Amino acid sequence: MNSTNRPDHSSRPLQMTCEHLVDASQRAVFFAWTEGLDCWFAQPGTLSLLAAEGRPYFFYNRDEWGRHPHYGRFLEVTQNQTIEMTWVTGNGAAEGTEGAETILRIDIIPKDDATLIRLNHSGFVSEKSQEAHRENWPIALELLGEALRNDSKFNQP
């Protein structure tokens, strides 16, 4: 257990989980979330991120998805295994996490010659926010899978 302060979600039990199998190494998946986020999710040029416990991050998602700020702080980072971070999104309206500090946990699990990404997002303030994320995270993970297949940045030893 780490010492980083975690948001209190005792009154916000809404969560969602999805999984996606990718033909990539654990190292490549970890790199995509901790150093290559602007190759598949963040708008290039907007990413400020150092994946270390307690450190903040900020970015805008891809412009073609609508310009929404994403920010938070890292709670746990275990090389090639786990990334846990707070996750706040929105554009000033009742979108994204609606201003709530949610928690995003990414478990990177070896599975035969591939890697299973298990993503759990918890602490939603509304069913609307939960359902929007339940709909969008599988799409995002599919885009990550495409980037892992097609971008040589992820295929370095």
N, C-alpha and C. Protein backbone atom coordinates (compact mmCIF):
# COMPACT_ATOMS: atom_id res chain seq x y z
N MET A 1 0.85 -1.18 0.00
CA MET A 1 0.00 0.00 0.00
C MET A 1 0.89 1.24 0.00
N ASN A 2 0.52 2.22 -0.81
CA ASN A 2 1.34 3.43 -0.85
C ASN A 2 0.75 4.49 0.06
N SER A 3 1.48 5.58 0.22
CA SER A 3 1.07 6.63 1.16
C SER A 3 0.38 7.80 0.47
N THR A 4 0.17 7.74 -0.83
CA THR A 4 -0.47 8.83 -1.55
C THR A 4 -1.93 8.93 -1.14
N ASN A 5 -2.37 10.16 -0.84
CA ASN A 5 -3.77 10.37 -0.45
C ASN A 5 -4.70 9.97 -1.59
N ARG A 6 -5.68 9.18 -1.24
CA ARG A 6 -6.65 8.70 -2.22
C ARG A 6 -7.97 9.43 -2.01
N PRO A 7 -8.70 9.68 -3.09
CA PRO A 7 -10.02 10.29 -2.93
C PRO A 7 -10.95 9.36 -2.15
N ASP A 8 -11.86 9.92 -1.39
CA ASP A 8 -12.84 9.14 -0.65
C ASP A 8 -14.03 8.89 -1.56
N HIS A 9 -14.20 7.65 -1.95
CA HIS A 9 -15.31 7.27 -2.82
C HIS A 9 -16.40 6.52 -2.06
N SER A 10 -16.41 6.63 -0.74
CA SER A 10 -17.39 5.88 0.05
C SER A 10 -18.83 6.27 -0.30
N SER A 11 -19.05 7.48 -0.77
CA SER A 11 -20.40 7.90 -1.17
C SER A 11 -20.59 7.86 -2.69
N ARG A 12 -19.56 7.36 -3.40
CA ARG A 12 -19.64 7.29 -4.87
C ARG A 12 -19.21 5.89 -5.34
N PRO A 13 -20.07 4.88 -5.19
CA PRO A 13 -19.68 3.51 -5.52
C PRO A 13 -19.74 3.15 -7.00
N LEU A 14 -20.23 4.05 -7.85
CA LEU A 14 -20.37 3.71 -9.27
C LEU A 14 -19.02 3.51 -9.92
N GLN A 15 -18.89 2.41 -10.68
CA GLN A 15 -17.64 2.10 -11.35
C GLN A 15 -17.91 1.29 -12.61
N MET A 16 -16.91 1.08 -13.39
CA MET A 16 -17.01 0.23 -14.57
C MET A 16 -15.66 -0.40 -14.83
N THR A 17 -15.69 -1.57 -15.47
CA THR A 17 -14.47 -2.29 -15.81
C THR A 17 -14.58 -2.78 -17.24
N CYS A 18 -13.50 -2.71 -17.97
CA CYS A 18 -13.45 -3.32 -19.30
C CYS A 18 -12.06 -3.92 -19.50
N GLU A 19 -12.00 -4.87 -20.42
CA GLU A 19 -10.74 -5.54 -20.72
C GLU A 19 -10.53 -5.52 -22.22
N HIS A 20 -9.25 -5.50 -22.60
CA HIS A 20 -8.92 -5.52 -24.02
C HIS A 20 -7.59 -6.26 -24.18
N LEU A 21 -7.57 -7.25 -25.05
CA LEU A 21 -6.37 -8.02 -25.32
C LEU A 21 -5.63 -7.38 -26.49
N VAL A 22 -4.34 -7.11 -26.32
CA VAL A 22 -3.54 -6.50 -27.38
C VAL A 22 -2.35 -7.40 -27.70
N ASP A 23 -1.97 -7.36 -28.95
CA ASP A 23 -0.80 -8.11 -29.41
C ASP A 23 0.43 -7.23 -29.22
N ALA A 24 0.82 -7.09 -27.97
CA ALA A 24 1.95 -6.22 -27.61
C ALA A 24 2.50 -6.68 -26.27
N SER A 25 3.70 -6.26 -25.97
CA SER A 25 4.32 -6.63 -24.70
C SER A 25 3.78 -5.76 -23.57
N GLN A 26 3.97 -6.24 -22.36
CA GLN A 26 3.61 -5.44 -21.18
C GLN A 26 4.37 -4.12 -21.20
N ARG A 27 5.65 -4.18 -21.59
CA ARG A 27 6.46 -2.97 -21.65
C ARG A 27 5.86 -1.95 -22.59
N ALA A 28 5.40 -2.40 -23.77
CA ALA A 28 4.82 -1.48 -24.75
C ALA A 28 3.54 -0.85 -24.23
N VAL A 29 2.70 -1.64 -23.57
CA VAL A 29 1.45 -1.11 -23.00
C VAL A 29 1.76 -0.09 -21.91
N PHE A 30 2.69 -0.43 -21.03
CA PHE A 30 3.07 0.49 -19.96
C PHE A 30 3.60 1.80 -20.55
N PHE A 31 4.46 1.70 -21.54
CA PHE A 31 5.01 2.88 -22.21
C PHE A 31 3.90 3.73 -22.83
N ALA A 32 2.91 3.08 -23.44
CA ALA A 32 1.81 3.81 -24.08
C ALA A 32 1.04 4.66 -23.08
N TRP A 33 0.90 4.17 -21.85
CA TRP A 33 0.17 4.92 -20.82
C TRP A 33 1.04 5.94 -20.09
N THR A 34 2.34 5.69 -20.02
CA THR A 34 3.20 6.55 -19.18
C THR A 34 4.09 7.51 -19.96
N GLU A 35 4.34 7.22 -21.24
CA GLU A 35 5.19 8.11 -22.03
C GLU A 35 4.63 8.38 -23.43
N GLY A 36 3.77 7.50 -23.92
CA GLY A 36 3.27 7.62 -25.27
C GLY A 36 1.79 7.96 -25.37
N LEU A 37 1.23 8.56 -24.33
CA LEU A 37 -0.19 8.87 -24.32
C LEU A 37 -0.59 9.79 -25.47
N ASP A 38 0.34 10.62 -25.91
CA ASP A 38 0.03 11.53 -27.02
C ASP A 38 0.16 10.86 -28.39
N CYS A 39 0.43 9.59 -28.41
CA CYS A 39 0.43 8.83 -29.67
C CYS A 39 -0.93 8.20 -29.94
N TRP A 40 -1.82 8.20 -28.93
CA TRP A 40 -3.11 7.54 -29.13
C TRP A 40 -4.28 8.20 -28.42
N PHE A 41 -4.07 8.95 -27.37
CA PHE A 41 -5.19 9.51 -26.59
C PHE A 41 -5.10 11.02 -26.45
N ALA A 42 -3.96 11.51 -26.02
CA ALA A 42 -3.79 12.95 -25.78
C ALA A 42 -3.48 13.69 -27.08
N GLN A 43 -3.94 14.92 -27.15
CA GLN A 43 -3.60 15.77 -28.30
C GLN A 43 -2.09 16.08 -28.23
N PRO A 44 -1.35 15.77 -29.29
CA PRO A 44 0.09 16.08 -29.28
C PRO A 44 0.33 17.54 -28.94
N GLY A 45 1.34 17.75 -28.11
CA GLY A 45 1.71 19.10 -27.69
C GLY A 45 1.01 19.58 -26.43
N THR A 46 0.07 18.79 -25.89
CA THR A 46 -0.65 19.23 -24.69
C THR A 46 -0.30 18.40 -23.45
N LEU A 47 0.51 17.38 -23.61
CA LEU A 47 0.76 16.43 -22.53
C LEU A 47 1.85 16.91 -21.59
N SER A 48 1.52 16.92 -20.31
CA SER A 48 2.49 17.17 -19.25
C SER A 48 2.34 16.01 -18.27
N LEU A 49 3.33 15.11 -18.26
CA LEU A 49 3.18 13.88 -17.50
C LEU A 49 4.53 13.32 -17.12
N LEU A 50 4.69 13.00 -15.85
CA LEU A 50 5.81 12.21 -15.35
C LEU A 50 5.18 11.15 -14.46
N ALA A 51 5.20 9.91 -14.93
CA ALA A 51 4.49 8.82 -14.25
C ALA A 51 5.25 8.38 -13.00
N ALA A 52 4.97 9.06 -11.90
CA ALA A 52 5.56 8.73 -10.61
C ALA A 52 4.53 9.03 -9.53
N GLU A 53 4.52 8.21 -8.51
CA GLU A 53 3.56 8.35 -7.43
C GLU A 53 3.54 9.79 -6.90
N GLY A 54 2.33 10.35 -6.82
CA GLY A 54 2.13 11.69 -6.29
C GLY A 54 2.28 12.80 -7.32
N ARG A 55 2.79 12.49 -8.50
CA ARG A 55 3.02 13.53 -9.51
C ARG A 55 1.75 13.82 -10.30
N PRO A 56 1.52 15.10 -10.61
CA PRO A 56 0.34 15.46 -11.41
C PRO A 56 0.59 15.26 -12.90
N TYR A 57 -0.50 15.21 -13.66
CA TYR A 57 -0.44 15.17 -15.11
C TYR A 57 -1.55 16.04 -15.68
N PHE A 58 -1.41 16.43 -16.93
CA PHE A 58 -2.44 17.21 -17.62
C PHE A 58 -2.32 16.96 -19.12
N PHE A 59 -3.45 16.94 -19.80
CA PHE A 59 -3.49 16.94 -21.26
C PHE A 59 -4.91 17.23 -21.73
N TYR A 60 -5.00 17.61 -22.99
CA TYR A 60 -6.29 17.64 -23.67
C TYR A 60 -6.38 16.37 -24.50
N ASN A 61 -7.58 15.78 -24.58
CA ASN A 61 -7.73 14.62 -25.45
C ASN A 61 -7.67 15.09 -26.91
N ARG A 62 -7.64 14.15 -27.82
CA ARG A 62 -7.57 14.44 -29.25
C ARG A 62 -8.61 15.48 -29.64
N ASP A 63 -8.21 16.46 -30.43
CA ASP A 63 -9.12 17.53 -30.85
C ASP A 63 -10.35 16.99 -31.56
N GLU A 64 -10.20 15.92 -32.34
CA GLU A 64 -11.35 15.39 -33.08
C GLU A 64 -12.42 14.80 -32.16
N TRP A 65 -12.11 14.60 -30.88
CA TRP A 65 -13.09 14.09 -29.92
C TRP A 65 -13.77 15.23 -29.16
N GLY A 66 -13.40 16.47 -29.48
CA GLY A 66 -13.84 17.61 -28.69
C GLY A 66 -12.76 17.92 -27.67
N ARG A 67 -12.51 19.17 -27.41
CA ARG A 67 -11.39 19.56 -26.54
C ARG A 67 -11.82 19.50 -25.08
N HIS A 68 -11.34 18.47 -24.39
CA HIS A 68 -11.67 18.29 -22.98
C HIS A 68 -10.38 18.12 -22.18
N PRO A 69 -10.20 18.91 -21.13
CA PRO A 69 -9.02 18.73 -20.28
C PRO A 69 -9.12 17.46 -19.46
N HIS A 70 -7.98 16.82 -19.27
CA HIS A 70 -7.85 15.63 -18.43
C HIS A 70 -6.69 15.91 -17.47
N TYR A 71 -6.92 15.68 -16.21
CA TYR A 71 -5.84 15.92 -15.26
C TYR A 71 -6.05 15.08 -14.00
N GLY A 72 -5.00 14.99 -13.24
CA GLY A 72 -5.05 14.22 -12.00
C GLY A 72 -3.65 14.02 -11.47
N ARG A 73 -3.49 12.94 -10.71
CA ARG A 73 -2.19 12.62 -10.12
C ARG A 73 -2.05 11.12 -10.04
N PHE A 74 -0.82 10.69 -10.03
CA PHE A 74 -0.54 9.25 -9.98
C PHE A 74 -0.61 8.77 -8.54
N LEU A 75 -1.32 7.67 -8.33
CA LEU A 75 -1.42 7.05 -7.02
C LEU A 75 -0.47 5.87 -6.88
N GLU A 76 -0.30 5.11 -7.96
CA GLU A 76 0.58 3.94 -7.94
C GLU A 76 1.11 3.72 -9.35
N VAL A 77 2.39 3.44 -9.43
CA VAL A 77 3.02 3.10 -10.71
C VAL A 77 3.97 1.94 -10.45
N THR A 78 3.63 0.78 -11.00
CA THR A 78 4.48 -0.41 -10.88
C THR A 78 4.89 -0.80 -12.30
N GLN A 79 6.16 -0.67 -12.59
CA GLN A 79 6.72 -0.87 -13.93
C GLN A 79 6.12 -2.09 -14.64
N ASN A 80 5.54 -1.85 -15.81
CA ASN A 80 5.01 -2.89 -16.69
C ASN A 80 3.89 -3.73 -16.08
N GLN A 81 3.28 -3.25 -14.98
CA GLN A 81 2.23 -4.03 -14.31
C GLN A 81 0.97 -3.24 -14.00
N THR A 82 1.13 -2.08 -13.35
CA THR A 82 -0.03 -1.35 -12.84
C THR A 82 0.19 0.14 -12.92
N ILE A 83 -0.87 0.84 -13.31
CA ILE A 83 -0.89 2.29 -13.24
C ILE A 83 -2.22 2.66 -12.60
N GLU A 84 -2.14 3.44 -11.54
CA GLU A 84 -3.37 3.92 -10.90
C GLU A 84 -3.23 5.43 -10.73
N MET A 85 -4.27 6.13 -11.17
CA MET A 85 -4.21 7.58 -11.16
C MET A 85 -5.60 8.16 -10.90
N THR A 86 -5.63 9.36 -10.32
CA THR A 86 -6.91 10.03 -10.28
C THR A 86 -7.17 10.54 -11.69
N TRP A 87 -8.44 10.75 -12.02
CA TRP A 87 -8.83 11.08 -13.39
C TRP A 87 -9.98 12.08 -13.32
N VAL A 88 -9.72 13.30 -13.75
CA VAL A 88 -10.74 14.35 -13.78
C VAL A 88 -10.84 14.83 -15.22
N THR A 89 -12.05 14.87 -15.75
CA THR A 89 -12.25 15.32 -17.12
C THR A 89 -13.47 16.23 -17.19
N GLY A 90 -13.52 17.00 -18.25
CA GLY A 90 -14.68 17.83 -18.50
C GLY A 90 -14.31 19.10 -19.21
N ASN A 91 -15.32 19.80 -19.67
CA ASN A 91 -15.10 21.05 -20.36
C ASN A 91 -15.93 22.17 -19.75
N GLY A 92 -16.27 22.05 -18.49
CA GLY A 92 -17.06 23.07 -17.81
C GLY A 92 -18.54 22.78 -17.83
N ALA A 93 -18.92 21.70 -18.46
CA ALA A 93 -20.32 21.28 -18.52
C ALA A 93 -20.46 19.95 -17.79
N ALA A 94 -21.66 19.43 -17.78
CA ALA A 94 -21.91 18.14 -17.11
C ALA A 94 -21.46 17.01 -18.03
N GLU A 95 -20.16 16.95 -18.29
CA GLU A 95 -19.57 15.92 -19.14
C GLU A 95 -18.39 15.30 -18.41
N GLY A 96 -17.84 14.28 -19.02
CA GLY A 96 -16.66 13.64 -18.43
C GLY A 96 -16.96 13.11 -17.05
N THR A 97 -16.10 13.43 -16.10
CA THR A 97 -16.32 13.00 -14.72
C THR A 97 -17.10 14.04 -13.93
N GLU A 98 -17.59 15.06 -14.61
CA GLU A 98 -18.40 16.12 -13.99
C GLU A 98 -17.64 16.81 -12.86
N GLY A 99 -16.33 16.92 -13.02
CA GLY A 99 -15.50 17.58 -12.03
C GLY A 99 -15.07 16.70 -10.87
N ALA A 100 -15.54 15.47 -10.83
CA ALA A 100 -15.20 14.57 -9.72
C ALA A 100 -13.82 13.96 -9.94
N GLU A 101 -13.10 13.78 -8.85
CA GLU A 101 -11.81 13.10 -8.89
C GLU A 101 -12.08 11.60 -8.80
N THR A 102 -12.12 10.96 -9.97
CA THR A 102 -12.34 9.52 -10.04
C THR A 102 -10.98 8.82 -9.99
N ILE A 103 -11.00 7.51 -9.98
CA ILE A 103 -9.75 6.73 -10.00
C ILE A 103 -9.78 5.80 -11.20
N LEU A 104 -8.70 5.84 -11.96
CA LEU A 104 -8.50 4.97 -13.10
C LEU A 104 -7.36 4.02 -12.75
N ARG A 105 -7.64 2.72 -12.85
CA ARG A 105 -6.61 1.71 -12.59
C ARG A 105 -6.45 0.87 -13.84
N ILE A 106 -5.22 0.75 -14.29
CA ILE A 106 -4.89 -0.05 -15.46
C ILE A 106 -3.98 -1.18 -15.00
N ASP A 107 -4.47 -2.41 -15.11
CA ASP A 107 -3.65 -3.58 -14.82
C ASP A 107 -3.19 -4.16 -16.15
N ILE A 108 -1.90 -4.43 -16.25
CA ILE A 108 -1.26 -4.92 -17.47
C ILE A 108 -0.85 -6.36 -17.21
N ILE A 109 -1.56 -7.30 -17.85
CA ILE A 109 -1.47 -8.71 -17.47
C ILE A 109 -0.97 -9.54 -18.66
N PRO A 110 0.13 -10.29 -18.49
CA PRO A 110 0.59 -11.15 -19.59
C PRO A 110 -0.42 -12.26 -19.84
N LYS A 111 -0.66 -12.54 -21.10
CA LYS A 111 -1.60 -13.61 -21.47
C LYS A 111 -1.08 -14.25 -22.75
N ASP A 112 -0.47 -15.42 -22.60
CA ASP A 112 0.18 -16.11 -23.71
C ASP A 112 1.20 -15.16 -24.35
N ASP A 113 1.10 -14.91 -25.64
CA ASP A 113 2.03 -14.00 -26.31
C ASP A 113 1.47 -12.59 -26.44
N ALA A 114 0.42 -12.29 -25.70
CA ALA A 114 -0.24 -10.98 -25.78
C ALA A 114 -0.29 -10.36 -24.39
N THR A 115 -1.01 -9.26 -24.28
CA THR A 115 -1.17 -8.58 -23.00
C THR A 115 -2.63 -8.19 -22.83
N LEU A 116 -3.18 -8.51 -21.68
CA LEU A 116 -4.54 -8.13 -21.34
C LEU A 116 -4.48 -6.82 -20.57
N ILE A 117 -5.24 -5.85 -21.05
CA ILE A 117 -5.38 -4.58 -20.33
C ILE A 117 -6.71 -4.64 -19.60
N ARG A 118 -6.65 -4.56 -18.28
CA ARG A 118 -7.87 -4.51 -17.47
C ARG A 118 -7.95 -3.09 -16.91
N LEU A 119 -8.99 -2.39 -17.30
CA LEU A 119 -9.17 -1.01 -16.90
C LEU A 119 -10.37 -0.92 -15.97
N ASN A 120 -10.18 -0.38 -14.79
CA ASN A 120 -11.26 -0.13 -13.85
C ASN A 120 -11.32 1.37 -13.59
N HIS A 121 -12.49 1.93 -13.74
CA HIS A 121 -12.70 3.36 -13.51
C HIS A 121 -13.78 3.48 -12.45
N SER A 122 -13.47 4.13 -11.33
CA SER A 122 -14.39 4.16 -10.18
C SER A 122 -14.56 5.56 -9.63
N GLY A 123 -15.63 5.72 -8.86
CA GLY A 123 -15.89 6.99 -8.18
C GLY A 123 -16.75 7.96 -8.96
N PHE A 124 -17.55 7.46 -9.89
CA PHE A 124 -18.41 8.34 -10.68
C PHE A 124 -19.48 8.97 -9.80
N VAL A 125 -19.87 10.22 -10.13
CA VAL A 125 -20.89 10.93 -9.37
C VAL A 125 -22.29 10.72 -9.94
N SER A 126 -22.37 10.17 -11.15
CA SER A 126 -23.68 9.96 -11.75
C SER A 126 -23.65 8.74 -12.67
N GLU A 127 -24.83 8.16 -12.88
CA GLU A 127 -24.93 7.05 -13.82
C GLU A 127 -24.64 7.52 -15.24
N LYS A 128 -24.96 8.76 -15.56
CA LYS A 128 -24.68 9.32 -16.88
C LYS A 128 -23.17 9.29 -17.15
N SER A 129 -22.39 9.73 -16.19
CA SER A 129 -20.93 9.73 -16.34
C SER A 129 -20.41 8.30 -16.43
N GLN A 130 -20.92 7.43 -15.58
CA GLN A 130 -20.51 6.02 -15.61
C GLN A 130 -20.79 5.40 -16.97
N GLU A 131 -21.98 5.60 -17.50
CA GLU A 131 -22.36 5.00 -18.78
C GLU A 131 -21.55 5.57 -19.93
N ALA A 132 -21.27 6.87 -19.91
CA ALA A 132 -20.45 7.48 -20.96
C ALA A 132 -19.06 6.85 -20.97
N HIS A 133 -18.50 6.63 -19.81
CA HIS A 133 -17.18 6.01 -19.74
C HIS A 133 -17.24 4.53 -20.10
N ARG A 134 -18.32 3.85 -19.72
CA ARG A 134 -18.49 2.45 -20.08
C ARG A 134 -18.55 2.31 -21.61
N GLU A 135 -19.11 3.30 -22.28
CA GLU A 135 -19.20 3.30 -23.74
C GLU A 135 -17.87 3.68 -24.39
N ASN A 136 -17.16 4.66 -23.82
CA ASN A 136 -15.98 5.23 -24.47
C ASN A 136 -14.67 4.50 -24.18
N TRP A 137 -14.50 3.90 -23.01
CA TRP A 137 -13.23 3.25 -22.71
C TRP A 137 -12.92 2.09 -23.67
N PRO A 138 -13.88 1.23 -24.02
CA PRO A 138 -13.55 0.18 -24.99
C PRO A 138 -13.09 0.74 -26.34
N ILE A 139 -13.68 1.84 -26.75
CA ILE A 139 -13.25 2.49 -28.00
C ILE A 139 -11.82 2.98 -27.86
N ALA A 140 -11.51 3.62 -26.74
CA ALA A 140 -10.15 4.12 -26.50
C ALA A 140 -9.14 2.97 -26.48
N LEU A 141 -9.51 1.86 -25.83
CA LEU A 141 -8.58 0.73 -25.78
C LEU A 141 -8.38 0.09 -27.15
N GLU A 142 -9.39 0.13 -27.98
CA GLU A 142 -9.23 -0.35 -29.36
C GLU A 142 -8.25 0.55 -30.12
N LEU A 143 -8.36 1.86 -29.91
CA LEU A 143 -7.40 2.79 -30.53
C LEU A 143 -5.99 2.56 -30.01
N LEU A 144 -5.87 2.26 -28.73
CA LEU A 144 -4.56 1.92 -28.17
C LEU A 144 -4.01 0.68 -28.86
N GLY A 145 -4.85 -0.34 -29.03
CA GLY A 145 -4.41 -1.55 -29.71
C GLY A 145 -3.91 -1.27 -31.12
N GLU A 146 -4.62 -0.40 -31.85
CA GLU A 146 -4.19 0.00 -33.20
C GLU A 146 -2.84 0.71 -33.15
N ALA A 147 -2.68 1.62 -32.20
CA ALA A 147 -1.41 2.34 -32.08
C ALA A 147 -0.27 1.38 -31.75
N LEU A 148 -0.53 0.43 -30.87
CA LEU A 148 0.50 -0.54 -30.51
C LEU A 148 0.91 -1.39 -31.71
N ARG A 149 -0.03 -1.68 -32.59
CA ARG A 149 0.26 -2.47 -33.80
C ARG A 149 1.01 -1.63 -34.85
N ASN A 150 0.67 -0.35 -34.96
CA ASN A 150 1.10 0.44 -36.10
C ASN A 150 2.18 1.48 -35.86
N ASP A 151 2.42 1.85 -34.63
CA ASP A 151 3.39 2.92 -34.32
C ASP A 151 4.69 2.28 -33.85
N SER A 152 5.75 2.48 -34.60
CA SER A 152 7.05 1.88 -34.27
C SER A 152 7.59 2.36 -32.93
N LYS A 153 7.09 3.47 -32.44
CA LYS A 153 7.53 3.99 -31.14
C LYS A 153 7.28 2.96 -30.02
N PHE A 154 6.25 2.12 -30.19
CA PHE A 154 5.91 1.13 -29.16
C PHE A 154 6.60 -0.20 -29.36
N ASN A 155 7.27 -0.39 -30.46
CA ASN A 155 7.87 -1.68 -30.79
C ASN A 155 9.37 -1.74 -30.62
N GLN A 156 9.90 -0.85 -29.81
CA GLN A 156 11.33 -0.86 -29.56
C GLN A 156 11.63 -1.86 -28.44
N PRO A 157 12.78 -2.52 -28.50
CA PRO A 157 13.11 -3.50 -27.45
C PRO A 157 13.32 -2.86 -26.09
